[in-house]
N, C-alpha and C. Protein backbone atom coordinates (compact mmCIF):
# COMPACT_ATOMS: atom_id res chain seq x y z
N MET A 1 2.54 9.48 -16.79
CA MET A 1 2.24 8.95 -15.48
C MET A 1 2.92 9.81 -14.43
N CYS A 2 2.23 10.07 -13.37
CA CYS A 2 2.70 10.91 -12.29
C CYS A 2 3.51 10.08 -11.29
N ALA A 3 4.56 10.63 -10.74
CA ALA A 3 5.38 9.91 -9.75
C ALA A 3 4.51 9.50 -8.58
N GLY A 4 4.67 8.25 -8.15
CA GLY A 4 3.96 7.78 -6.97
C GLY A 4 2.59 7.23 -7.26
N ILE A 5 2.20 7.16 -8.53
CA ILE A 5 0.86 6.72 -8.87
C ILE A 5 0.97 5.47 -9.73
N THR A 6 0.37 4.41 -9.28
CA THR A 6 0.39 3.17 -10.05
C THR A 6 -1.03 2.66 -10.18
N PRO A 7 -1.69 2.88 -11.31
CA PRO A 7 -3.01 2.30 -11.47
C PRO A 7 -2.85 0.78 -11.58
N ALA A 8 -3.72 0.06 -10.94
CA ALA A 8 -3.60 -1.39 -10.97
C ALA A 8 -4.97 -2.02 -11.05
N ARG A 9 -5.00 -3.22 -11.55
CA ARG A 9 -6.24 -3.98 -11.63
C ARG A 9 -6.00 -5.29 -10.91
N LEU A 10 -6.29 -5.28 -9.63
CA LEU A 10 -6.04 -6.44 -8.78
C LEU A 10 -7.30 -6.81 -8.03
N VAL A 11 -7.40 -8.06 -7.65
CA VAL A 11 -8.44 -8.49 -6.74
C VAL A 11 -7.72 -8.90 -5.47
N LEU A 12 -8.01 -8.23 -4.38
CA LEU A 12 -7.33 -8.48 -3.12
C LEU A 12 -8.32 -8.98 -2.08
N SER A 13 -7.87 -9.87 -1.24
CA SER A 13 -8.69 -10.28 -0.11
C SER A 13 -7.93 -9.92 1.16
N HIS A 14 -8.65 -9.68 2.22
CA HIS A 14 -8.03 -9.21 3.44
C HIS A 14 -8.45 -10.04 4.64
N SER A 15 -7.54 -10.23 5.54
CA SER A 15 -7.80 -10.80 6.83
C SER A 15 -6.97 -10.00 7.82
N TYR A 16 -7.63 -9.39 8.80
CA TYR A 16 -6.92 -8.49 9.70
C TYR A 16 -6.67 -9.09 11.07
N GLY A 17 -7.18 -10.27 11.36
CA GLY A 17 -6.88 -10.92 12.62
C GLY A 17 -7.66 -10.40 13.81
N PHE A 18 -7.45 -9.16 14.21
CA PHE A 18 -8.04 -8.65 15.44
C PHE A 18 -9.29 -7.80 15.21
N VAL A 19 -9.72 -7.63 13.98
CA VAL A 19 -10.95 -6.89 13.70
C VAL A 19 -11.84 -7.73 12.81
N LYS A 20 -13.14 -7.49 12.93
CA LYS A 20 -14.09 -8.28 12.14
C LYS A 20 -14.54 -7.57 10.88
N ALA A 21 -14.55 -6.24 10.89
CA ALA A 21 -15.04 -5.48 9.74
C ALA A 21 -14.11 -5.68 8.55
N ASP A 22 -14.68 -5.67 7.37
CA ASP A 22 -13.94 -5.80 6.11
C ASP A 22 -13.84 -4.41 5.49
N SER A 23 -12.62 -3.94 5.25
CA SER A 23 -12.43 -2.58 4.75
C SER A 23 -12.93 -2.37 3.33
N HIS A 24 -13.35 -3.46 2.66
CA HIS A 24 -14.00 -3.28 1.36
C HIS A 24 -15.36 -2.60 1.53
N VAL A 25 -16.00 -2.84 2.68
CA VAL A 25 -17.35 -2.33 2.89
C VAL A 25 -17.51 -1.50 4.16
N ASP A 26 -16.50 -1.45 5.01
CA ASP A 26 -16.60 -0.76 6.29
C ASP A 26 -15.23 -0.22 6.68
N VAL A 27 -15.15 0.45 7.81
CA VAL A 27 -13.88 0.95 8.33
C VAL A 27 -13.55 0.16 9.59
N PRO A 28 -12.63 -0.81 9.50
CA PRO A 28 -12.29 -1.62 10.68
C PRO A 28 -11.54 -0.79 11.72
N ILE A 29 -11.80 -1.10 12.99
CA ILE A 29 -11.14 -0.41 14.10
C ILE A 29 -10.54 -1.46 15.03
N ASP A 30 -9.26 -1.29 15.33
CA ASP A 30 -8.53 -2.18 16.23
C ASP A 30 -8.15 -1.35 17.45
N LYS A 31 -8.70 -1.67 18.62
CA LYS A 31 -8.52 -0.84 19.81
C LYS A 31 -7.33 -1.23 20.67
N ARG A 32 -6.45 -2.08 20.16
CA ARG A 32 -5.28 -2.48 20.94
C ARG A 32 -4.28 -1.34 21.05
N SER A 33 -3.43 -1.43 22.05
CA SER A 33 -2.37 -0.44 22.24
C SER A 33 -1.26 -0.68 21.22
N LEU A 34 -0.42 0.32 21.00
CA LEU A 34 0.71 0.18 20.10
C LEU A 34 1.62 -0.95 20.58
N LYS A 35 1.83 -1.02 21.89
CA LYS A 35 2.69 -2.07 22.45
C LYS A 35 2.15 -3.46 22.08
N ALA A 36 0.85 -3.67 22.21
CA ALA A 36 0.25 -4.97 21.86
C ALA A 36 0.35 -5.24 20.37
N ILE A 37 0.10 -4.22 19.56
CA ILE A 37 0.17 -4.40 18.11
C ILE A 37 1.58 -4.78 17.69
N LEU A 38 2.57 -4.06 18.22
CA LEU A 38 3.96 -4.36 17.86
C LEU A 38 4.36 -5.75 18.35
N ALA A 39 3.89 -6.16 19.52
CA ALA A 39 4.23 -7.48 20.04
C ALA A 39 3.57 -8.59 19.23
N ASP A 40 2.32 -8.38 18.80
CA ASP A 40 1.58 -9.41 18.08
C ASP A 40 1.81 -9.39 16.58
N ASP A 41 1.78 -8.22 15.97
CA ASP A 41 1.75 -8.12 14.51
C ASP A 41 3.07 -7.74 13.86
N ALA A 42 3.95 -7.10 14.59
CA ALA A 42 5.17 -6.57 13.96
C ALA A 42 6.39 -7.48 14.14
N LYS A 43 6.24 -8.59 14.83
CA LYS A 43 7.37 -9.49 15.05
C LYS A 43 8.06 -9.90 13.75
N PRO A 44 7.33 -10.20 12.68
CA PRO A 44 8.01 -10.61 11.44
C PRO A 44 8.97 -9.56 10.89
N TYR A 45 8.75 -8.27 11.22
CA TYR A 45 9.64 -7.24 10.70
C TYR A 45 11.05 -7.38 11.26
N GLU A 46 11.18 -8.01 12.41
CA GLU A 46 12.52 -8.22 12.97
C GLU A 46 13.39 -9.05 12.03
N TRP A 47 12.81 -10.01 11.35
CA TRP A 47 13.59 -10.86 10.45
C TRP A 47 13.27 -10.66 8.99
N LEU A 48 12.19 -9.93 8.66
CA LEU A 48 11.84 -9.69 7.26
C LEU A 48 12.22 -8.30 6.76
N SER A 49 12.47 -7.37 7.66
CA SER A 49 12.64 -5.97 7.25
C SER A 49 13.77 -5.78 6.24
N THR A 50 14.77 -6.63 6.25
CA THR A 50 15.87 -6.45 5.30
C THR A 50 15.61 -7.16 3.97
N SER A 51 14.59 -8.03 3.92
CA SER A 51 14.35 -8.76 2.68
C SER A 51 13.02 -8.43 2.02
N LEU A 52 12.13 -7.75 2.72
CA LEU A 52 10.85 -7.37 2.14
C LEU A 52 11.05 -6.24 1.13
N ALA A 53 10.51 -6.41 -0.07
CA ALA A 53 10.62 -5.36 -1.08
C ALA A 53 9.52 -4.32 -0.92
N SER A 54 8.36 -4.75 -0.42
CA SER A 54 7.24 -3.82 -0.27
C SER A 54 6.24 -4.34 0.73
N VAL A 55 5.41 -3.43 1.23
CA VAL A 55 4.31 -3.76 2.13
C VAL A 55 3.09 -2.95 1.74
N MET A 56 1.92 -3.40 2.24
CA MET A 56 0.67 -2.71 1.99
C MET A 56 -0.07 -2.58 3.32
N PRO A 57 -0.08 -1.38 3.91
CA PRO A 57 -0.83 -1.21 5.16
C PRO A 57 -2.33 -1.28 4.90
N ALA A 58 -3.05 -1.76 5.89
CA ALA A 58 -4.49 -1.91 5.76
C ALA A 58 -5.21 -0.60 6.06
N HIS A 59 -6.45 -0.54 5.59
CA HIS A 59 -7.33 0.59 5.92
C HIS A 59 -7.99 0.30 7.26
N VAL A 60 -7.19 0.10 8.28
CA VAL A 60 -7.67 -0.17 9.63
C VAL A 60 -7.28 1.01 10.50
N ILE A 61 -8.19 1.45 11.35
CA ILE A 61 -7.90 2.52 12.30
C ILE A 61 -7.48 1.88 13.62
N TYR A 62 -6.36 2.35 14.14
CA TYR A 62 -5.86 1.94 15.45
C TYR A 62 -5.91 3.19 16.32
N PRO A 63 -7.06 3.49 16.96
CA PRO A 63 -7.26 4.78 17.62
C PRO A 63 -6.28 5.08 18.75
N LYS A 64 -5.67 4.06 19.34
CA LYS A 64 -4.68 4.33 20.40
C LYS A 64 -3.34 4.76 19.83
N VAL A 65 -3.23 4.70 18.47
CA VAL A 65 -1.99 5.12 17.81
C VAL A 65 -2.24 6.38 16.98
N ASP A 66 -3.32 6.38 16.19
CA ASP A 66 -3.65 7.52 15.32
C ASP A 66 -5.12 7.41 14.94
N ALA A 67 -5.75 8.55 14.70
CA ALA A 67 -7.16 8.57 14.30
C ALA A 67 -7.36 8.20 12.84
N LEU A 68 -6.27 8.23 12.06
CA LEU A 68 -6.35 7.90 10.64
C LEU A 68 -6.08 6.42 10.41
N PRO A 69 -6.66 5.82 9.35
CA PRO A 69 -6.29 4.45 9.01
C PRO A 69 -4.78 4.36 8.75
N ALA A 70 -4.20 3.21 9.03
CA ALA A 70 -2.74 3.04 8.95
C ALA A 70 -2.16 3.51 7.62
N GLY A 71 -2.81 3.22 6.51
CA GLY A 71 -2.30 3.61 5.20
C GLY A 71 -2.34 5.09 4.91
N PHE A 72 -2.99 5.86 5.79
CA PHE A 72 -3.08 7.32 5.63
C PHE A 72 -2.38 8.04 6.77
N SER A 73 -1.63 7.31 7.57
CA SER A 73 -1.06 7.84 8.80
C SER A 73 0.45 7.98 8.71
N ALA A 74 0.94 9.22 8.78
CA ALA A 74 2.39 9.44 8.81
C ALA A 74 2.98 8.84 10.09
N ARG A 75 2.22 8.82 11.15
CA ARG A 75 2.70 8.19 12.39
C ARG A 75 3.01 6.72 12.14
N TRP A 76 2.08 6.01 11.47
CA TRP A 76 2.31 4.60 11.18
C TRP A 76 3.42 4.40 10.15
N LEU A 77 3.33 5.12 9.05
CA LEU A 77 4.22 4.84 7.92
C LEU A 77 5.63 5.40 8.11
N LYS A 78 5.72 6.63 8.55
CA LYS A 78 7.04 7.25 8.69
C LYS A 78 7.68 6.97 10.05
N ASP A 79 6.92 7.17 11.12
CA ASP A 79 7.49 7.02 12.46
C ASP A 79 7.67 5.55 12.86
N ILE A 80 6.60 4.76 12.73
CA ILE A 80 6.65 3.39 13.23
C ILE A 80 7.28 2.45 12.22
N LEU A 81 6.73 2.40 11.00
CA LEU A 81 7.22 1.45 10.00
C LEU A 81 8.65 1.77 9.56
N ARG A 82 8.91 3.00 9.19
CA ARG A 82 10.24 3.35 8.68
C ARG A 82 11.26 3.52 9.80
N GLN A 83 10.94 4.37 10.79
CA GLN A 83 11.92 4.69 11.83
C GLN A 83 12.07 3.58 12.87
N GLN A 84 10.95 3.23 13.51
CA GLN A 84 11.01 2.28 14.61
C GLN A 84 11.31 0.85 14.15
N LEU A 85 10.66 0.40 13.06
CA LEU A 85 10.84 -0.97 12.59
C LEU A 85 11.94 -1.08 11.53
N GLY A 86 12.42 0.04 11.01
CA GLY A 86 13.53 0.03 10.07
C GLY A 86 13.20 -0.47 8.68
N PHE A 87 11.92 -0.42 8.29
CA PHE A 87 11.55 -0.89 6.95
C PHE A 87 11.98 0.14 5.92
N ASN A 88 12.70 -0.30 4.87
CA ASN A 88 13.15 0.66 3.85
C ASN A 88 12.68 0.29 2.45
N GLY A 89 11.74 -0.64 2.33
CA GLY A 89 11.17 -0.99 1.03
C GLY A 89 10.05 -0.03 0.65
N ALA A 90 9.36 -0.37 -0.42
CA ALA A 90 8.26 0.46 -0.91
C ALA A 90 6.98 0.19 -0.13
N ILE A 91 6.18 1.24 0.03
CA ILE A 91 4.88 1.11 0.68
C ILE A 91 3.80 1.40 -0.36
N PHE A 92 2.96 0.40 -0.61
CA PHE A 92 1.80 0.54 -1.49
C PHE A 92 0.60 0.91 -0.65
N SER A 93 -0.23 1.80 -1.14
CA SER A 93 -1.51 2.00 -0.46
C SER A 93 -2.35 0.76 -0.73
N ASP A 94 -3.32 0.52 0.12
CA ASP A 94 -4.32 -0.50 -0.21
C ASP A 94 -5.25 0.14 -1.25
N ASP A 95 -6.12 -0.63 -1.82
CA ASP A 95 -7.01 -0.18 -2.88
C ASP A 95 -7.82 1.04 -2.42
N LEU A 96 -7.67 2.13 -3.13
CA LEU A 96 -8.36 3.38 -2.77
C LEU A 96 -9.85 3.35 -3.08
N SER A 97 -10.32 2.32 -3.80
CA SER A 97 -11.75 2.26 -4.07
C SER A 97 -12.52 1.55 -2.95
N MET A 98 -11.81 1.00 -1.97
CA MET A 98 -12.46 0.33 -0.85
C MET A 98 -13.12 1.35 0.07
N ARG A 99 -14.20 0.94 0.70
CA ARG A 99 -14.92 1.86 1.59
C ARG A 99 -14.02 2.36 2.71
N GLY A 100 -13.15 1.50 3.21
CA GLY A 100 -12.23 1.90 4.27
C GLY A 100 -11.29 3.01 3.84
N ALA A 101 -11.09 3.17 2.55
CA ALA A 101 -10.20 4.21 2.04
C ALA A 101 -10.96 5.49 1.70
N ARG A 102 -12.25 5.38 1.59
CA ARG A 102 -13.04 6.53 1.15
C ARG A 102 -13.55 7.37 2.30
N ARG A 103 -13.33 6.92 3.54
CA ARG A 103 -13.73 7.69 4.72
C ARG A 103 -12.49 8.00 5.53
N ILE A 104 -12.13 9.27 5.52
CA ILE A 104 -10.96 9.72 6.27
C ILE A 104 -11.43 10.80 7.24
N GLY A 105 -11.20 10.57 8.51
CA GLY A 105 -11.66 11.52 9.51
C GLY A 105 -13.17 11.64 9.55
N GLY A 106 -13.87 10.56 9.20
CA GLY A 106 -15.33 10.56 9.21
C GLY A 106 -15.97 11.20 8.00
N VAL A 107 -15.16 11.63 7.03
CA VAL A 107 -15.68 12.31 5.84
C VAL A 107 -15.38 11.46 4.61
N GLU A 108 -16.37 11.32 3.73
CA GLU A 108 -16.13 10.59 2.49
C GLU A 108 -15.32 11.47 1.54
N VAL A 109 -14.25 10.90 0.97
CA VAL A 109 -13.35 11.66 0.11
C VAL A 109 -13.30 11.03 -1.28
N THR A 110 -12.75 11.78 -2.23
CA THR A 110 -12.57 11.27 -3.58
C THR A 110 -11.33 10.38 -3.64
N TYR A 111 -11.18 9.66 -4.74
CA TYR A 111 -9.98 8.85 -4.93
C TYR A 111 -8.72 9.72 -4.84
N ALA A 112 -8.76 10.87 -5.49
CA ALA A 112 -7.59 11.75 -5.51
C ALA A 112 -7.28 12.29 -4.12
N GLU A 113 -8.31 12.64 -3.36
CA GLU A 113 -8.07 13.11 -2.00
C GLU A 113 -7.46 12.00 -1.14
N ALA A 114 -7.98 10.78 -1.29
CA ALA A 114 -7.41 9.65 -0.56
C ALA A 114 -5.97 9.40 -0.99
N ALA A 115 -5.71 9.48 -2.28
CA ALA A 115 -4.35 9.27 -2.79
C ALA A 115 -3.39 10.33 -2.26
N THR A 116 -3.83 11.57 -2.22
CA THR A 116 -3.00 12.66 -1.72
C THR A 116 -2.65 12.44 -0.25
N VAL A 117 -3.63 12.04 0.55
CA VAL A 117 -3.37 11.77 1.96
C VAL A 117 -2.39 10.61 2.10
N ALA A 118 -2.59 9.54 1.32
CA ALA A 118 -1.70 8.38 1.39
C ALA A 118 -0.28 8.74 0.98
N LEU A 119 -0.12 9.49 -0.09
CA LEU A 119 1.22 9.88 -0.55
C LEU A 119 1.90 10.79 0.47
N ASN A 120 1.15 11.74 1.03
CA ASN A 120 1.72 12.63 2.03
C ASN A 120 2.09 11.89 3.32
N ALA A 121 1.35 10.82 3.62
CA ALA A 121 1.61 10.05 4.84
C ALA A 121 2.85 9.17 4.70
N GLY A 122 3.25 8.88 3.45
CA GLY A 122 4.44 8.06 3.28
C GLY A 122 4.31 6.91 2.31
N CYS A 123 3.15 6.75 1.68
CA CYS A 123 3.03 5.71 0.65
C CYS A 123 3.89 6.11 -0.55
N ASP A 124 4.51 5.12 -1.16
CA ASP A 124 5.31 5.37 -2.35
C ASP A 124 4.50 5.19 -3.62
N LEU A 125 3.47 4.36 -3.54
CA LEU A 125 2.61 4.07 -4.67
C LEU A 125 1.18 3.97 -4.18
N VAL A 126 0.22 4.41 -4.99
CA VAL A 126 -1.18 4.27 -4.63
C VAL A 126 -1.87 3.37 -5.64
N LEU A 127 -2.80 2.58 -5.14
CA LEU A 127 -3.52 1.64 -5.99
C LEU A 127 -4.99 2.02 -6.09
N LEU A 128 -5.50 1.99 -7.29
CA LEU A 128 -6.93 2.12 -7.54
C LEU A 128 -7.29 0.90 -8.37
N CYS A 129 -7.84 -0.09 -7.72
CA CYS A 129 -8.01 -1.41 -8.33
C CYS A 129 -9.41 -1.60 -8.91
N ASN A 130 -9.48 -2.47 -9.90
CA ASN A 130 -10.75 -2.89 -10.49
C ASN A 130 -11.57 -1.71 -11.01
N GLN A 131 -10.92 -0.72 -11.55
CA GLN A 131 -11.60 0.47 -12.05
C GLN A 131 -11.43 0.63 -13.56
N SER A 132 -11.34 -0.50 -14.26
CA SER A 132 -11.12 -0.42 -15.71
C SER A 132 -12.43 -0.32 -16.50
N LEU A 133 -13.56 -0.35 -15.82
CA LEU A 133 -14.84 -0.18 -16.49
C LEU A 133 -14.93 1.22 -17.10
N ASN A 134 -15.76 1.37 -18.08
CA ASN A 134 -15.94 2.67 -18.75
C ASN A 134 -14.63 3.23 -19.28
N GLY A 135 -13.80 2.35 -19.81
CA GLY A 135 -12.54 2.81 -20.40
C GLY A 135 -11.53 3.30 -19.37
N GLY A 136 -11.69 2.92 -18.13
CA GLY A 136 -10.73 3.32 -17.10
C GLY A 136 -10.87 4.76 -16.67
N LYS A 137 -12.05 5.34 -16.83
CA LYS A 137 -12.26 6.76 -16.48
C LYS A 137 -11.88 7.10 -15.04
N PRO A 138 -12.21 6.24 -14.05
CA PRO A 138 -11.79 6.59 -12.68
C PRO A 138 -10.26 6.69 -12.53
N VAL A 139 -9.54 5.83 -13.22
CA VAL A 139 -8.07 5.88 -13.15
C VAL A 139 -7.56 7.15 -13.82
N ASP A 140 -8.11 7.46 -14.99
CA ASP A 140 -7.71 8.70 -15.69
C ASP A 140 -8.02 9.93 -14.83
N ALA A 141 -9.19 9.94 -14.20
CA ALA A 141 -9.57 11.08 -13.35
C ALA A 141 -8.61 11.18 -12.16
N LEU A 142 -8.26 10.04 -11.56
CA LEU A 142 -7.32 10.06 -10.45
C LEU A 142 -5.99 10.67 -10.87
N LEU A 143 -5.48 10.23 -12.00
CA LEU A 143 -4.19 10.76 -12.47
C LEU A 143 -4.27 12.25 -12.74
N ASP A 144 -5.34 12.69 -13.39
CA ASP A 144 -5.50 14.12 -13.68
C ASP A 144 -5.61 14.94 -12.39
N GLU A 145 -6.40 14.45 -11.42
CA GLU A 145 -6.59 15.18 -10.18
C GLU A 145 -5.32 15.20 -9.34
N LEU A 146 -4.54 14.11 -9.39
CA LEU A 146 -3.28 14.10 -8.65
C LEU A 146 -2.25 15.05 -9.27
N LEU A 147 -2.23 15.12 -10.58
CA LEU A 147 -1.34 16.10 -11.23
C LEU A 147 -1.72 17.51 -10.82
N ALA A 148 -3.04 17.77 -10.76
CA ALA A 148 -3.51 19.09 -10.33
C ALA A 148 -3.14 19.34 -8.87
N ALA A 149 -3.31 18.34 -8.01
CA ALA A 149 -2.96 18.50 -6.60
C ALA A 149 -1.46 18.75 -6.44
N GLN A 150 -0.67 18.07 -7.26
CA GLN A 150 0.78 18.28 -7.19
C GLN A 150 1.14 19.69 -7.66
N SER A 151 0.53 20.15 -8.75
CA SER A 151 0.85 21.49 -9.25
C SER A 151 0.37 22.57 -8.29
N GLN A 152 -0.65 22.29 -7.47
CA GLN A 152 -1.16 23.25 -6.48
C GLN A 152 -0.39 23.16 -5.16
N GLY A 153 0.57 22.25 -5.11
CA GLY A 153 1.38 22.11 -3.90
C GLY A 153 0.74 21.30 -2.79
N ASN A 154 -0.32 20.54 -3.11
CA ASN A 154 -1.00 19.74 -2.09
C ASN A 154 -0.24 18.45 -1.75
N TRP A 155 0.66 18.04 -2.62
CA TRP A 155 1.59 16.95 -2.30
C TRP A 155 2.82 17.11 -3.16
N HIS A 156 3.93 16.62 -2.65
CA HIS A 156 5.20 16.73 -3.35
C HIS A 156 5.80 15.34 -3.49
N ALA A 157 6.28 15.03 -4.68
CA ALA A 157 6.91 13.73 -4.90
C ALA A 157 8.15 13.62 -4.02
N ASP A 158 8.28 12.51 -3.36
CA ASP A 158 9.41 12.24 -2.47
C ASP A 158 10.51 11.57 -3.29
N PRO A 159 11.70 12.15 -3.37
CA PRO A 159 12.78 11.54 -4.16
C PRO A 159 13.13 10.13 -3.69
N ASP A 160 13.01 9.86 -2.39
CA ASP A 160 13.27 8.51 -1.89
C ASP A 160 12.23 7.52 -2.41
N SER A 161 10.98 8.00 -2.60
CA SER A 161 9.93 7.13 -3.14
C SER A 161 10.28 6.67 -4.55
N GLU A 162 10.83 7.57 -5.34
CA GLU A 162 11.21 7.20 -6.71
C GLU A 162 12.24 6.08 -6.68
N ALA A 163 13.21 6.18 -5.80
CA ALA A 163 14.24 5.13 -5.69
C ALA A 163 13.61 3.81 -5.25
N ARG A 164 12.68 3.86 -4.30
CA ARG A 164 12.03 2.62 -3.84
C ARG A 164 11.19 2.01 -4.94
N ARG A 165 10.51 2.84 -5.74
CA ARG A 165 9.72 2.31 -6.86
C ARG A 165 10.63 1.64 -7.88
N LEU A 166 11.75 2.28 -8.20
CA LEU A 166 12.68 1.69 -9.17
C LEU A 166 13.27 0.38 -8.66
N ASP A 167 13.48 0.28 -7.35
CA ASP A 167 13.99 -0.96 -6.77
C ASP A 167 13.04 -2.13 -6.96
N LEU A 168 11.75 -1.85 -7.16
CA LEU A 168 10.77 -2.91 -7.37
C LEU A 168 10.85 -3.52 -8.76
N LEU A 169 11.45 -2.80 -9.70
CA LEU A 169 11.51 -3.29 -11.07
C LEU A 169 12.53 -4.42 -11.19
N PRO A 170 12.26 -5.40 -12.02
CA PRO A 170 13.22 -6.49 -12.19
C PRO A 170 14.57 -5.95 -12.67
N GLN A 171 15.64 -6.52 -12.13
CA GLN A 171 16.99 -6.09 -12.49
C GLN A 171 17.58 -6.93 -13.61
N THR A 172 16.89 -7.98 -13.99
CA THR A 172 17.36 -8.86 -15.06
C THR A 172 16.26 -9.04 -16.09
N VAL A 173 16.65 -9.47 -17.26
CA VAL A 173 15.68 -9.75 -18.31
C VAL A 173 14.89 -10.99 -17.90
N PRO A 174 13.56 -10.99 -18.05
CA PRO A 174 12.79 -12.17 -17.67
C PRO A 174 13.17 -13.37 -18.53
N LEU A 175 13.07 -14.54 -17.91
CA LEU A 175 13.36 -15.77 -18.64
C LEU A 175 12.25 -16.08 -19.62
N ALA A 176 12.61 -16.67 -20.76
CA ALA A 176 11.60 -17.16 -21.69
C ALA A 176 10.88 -18.32 -21.01
N TRP A 177 9.65 -18.60 -21.43
CA TRP A 177 8.84 -19.62 -20.77
C TRP A 177 9.56 -20.96 -20.67
N ASP A 178 10.16 -21.42 -21.74
CA ASP A 178 10.86 -22.72 -21.72
C ASP A 178 12.02 -22.71 -20.73
N GLU A 179 12.75 -21.60 -20.67
CA GLU A 179 13.85 -21.50 -19.70
C GLU A 179 13.32 -21.48 -18.27
N LEU A 180 12.22 -20.74 -18.05
CA LEU A 180 11.64 -20.66 -16.73
C LEU A 180 11.21 -22.03 -16.23
N MET A 181 10.55 -22.79 -17.08
CA MET A 181 10.04 -24.11 -16.68
C MET A 181 11.15 -25.05 -16.24
N HIS A 182 12.37 -24.85 -16.73
CA HIS A 182 13.49 -25.73 -16.39
C HIS A 182 14.45 -25.12 -15.37
N SER A 183 14.15 -23.92 -14.92
CA SER A 183 15.05 -23.29 -13.95
C SER A 183 14.89 -23.97 -12.59
N PRO A 184 15.98 -24.12 -11.84
CA PRO A 184 15.91 -24.76 -10.52
C PRO A 184 14.95 -24.05 -9.55
N ALA A 185 14.92 -22.72 -9.57
CA ALA A 185 14.03 -21.99 -8.66
C ALA A 185 12.57 -22.30 -8.97
N TYR A 186 12.23 -22.35 -10.24
CA TYR A 186 10.85 -22.66 -10.64
C TYR A 186 10.50 -24.09 -10.25
N GLN A 187 11.41 -25.00 -10.46
CA GLN A 187 11.17 -26.40 -10.11
C GLN A 187 10.97 -26.55 -8.59
N ARG A 188 11.76 -25.83 -7.79
CA ARG A 188 11.58 -25.88 -6.33
C ARG A 188 10.23 -25.31 -5.92
N SER A 189 9.81 -24.24 -6.57
CA SER A 189 8.52 -23.65 -6.21
C SER A 189 7.37 -24.61 -6.57
N LEU A 190 7.51 -25.34 -7.66
CA LEU A 190 6.49 -26.32 -8.01
C LEU A 190 6.41 -27.43 -6.96
N GLU A 191 7.55 -27.82 -6.44
CA GLU A 191 7.57 -28.88 -5.41
C GLU A 191 6.89 -28.44 -4.12
N MET A 192 6.83 -27.14 -3.88
CA MET A 192 6.23 -26.62 -2.65
C MET A 192 4.72 -26.54 -2.73
N LEU A 193 4.17 -26.62 -3.93
CA LEU A 193 2.72 -26.53 -4.08
C LEU A 193 2.06 -27.80 -3.53
N PRO A 194 0.87 -27.64 -2.92
CA PRO A 194 0.20 -28.83 -2.36
C PRO A 194 -0.31 -29.75 -3.44
């Protein structure tokens, strides 16, 4: 496995609030200013930035900030999220198989090209979801193409990314099912369910 690459099989749903387009099938555009976005959407970072382990930027373009979707934008990920908002957890790309991820700068790109842009922009991990059909060939191709891109110098693994990825791993041995069912934390979480 290549550093910074995490094949995953997830089903994700999205709600972006200020845009109507769904990045699974289109490229959403939010025309608000950075000041408005930070005032409306970034407020939780003031109190969550020290406890959030990871975030996933959307494939939404904010043209008053950058021409690239947030998950492919070094301005968003490195300058705003890391520097301005002080987030130091891991950044996952959104699913690279979504239409919003396959059009960068108005051009349709491959999974590996999208992954390379995301990694260079500041993502620590890239996701290619729901691609296990045909024996997972799209995931295998992504890994092979990213290794080739890395060996050609098109992207370089960030040592800080490796540390953030390792921080996501559990630090303790998981509880056995019977122990989990009787743990106070599990019991409290059950009480919170509707």
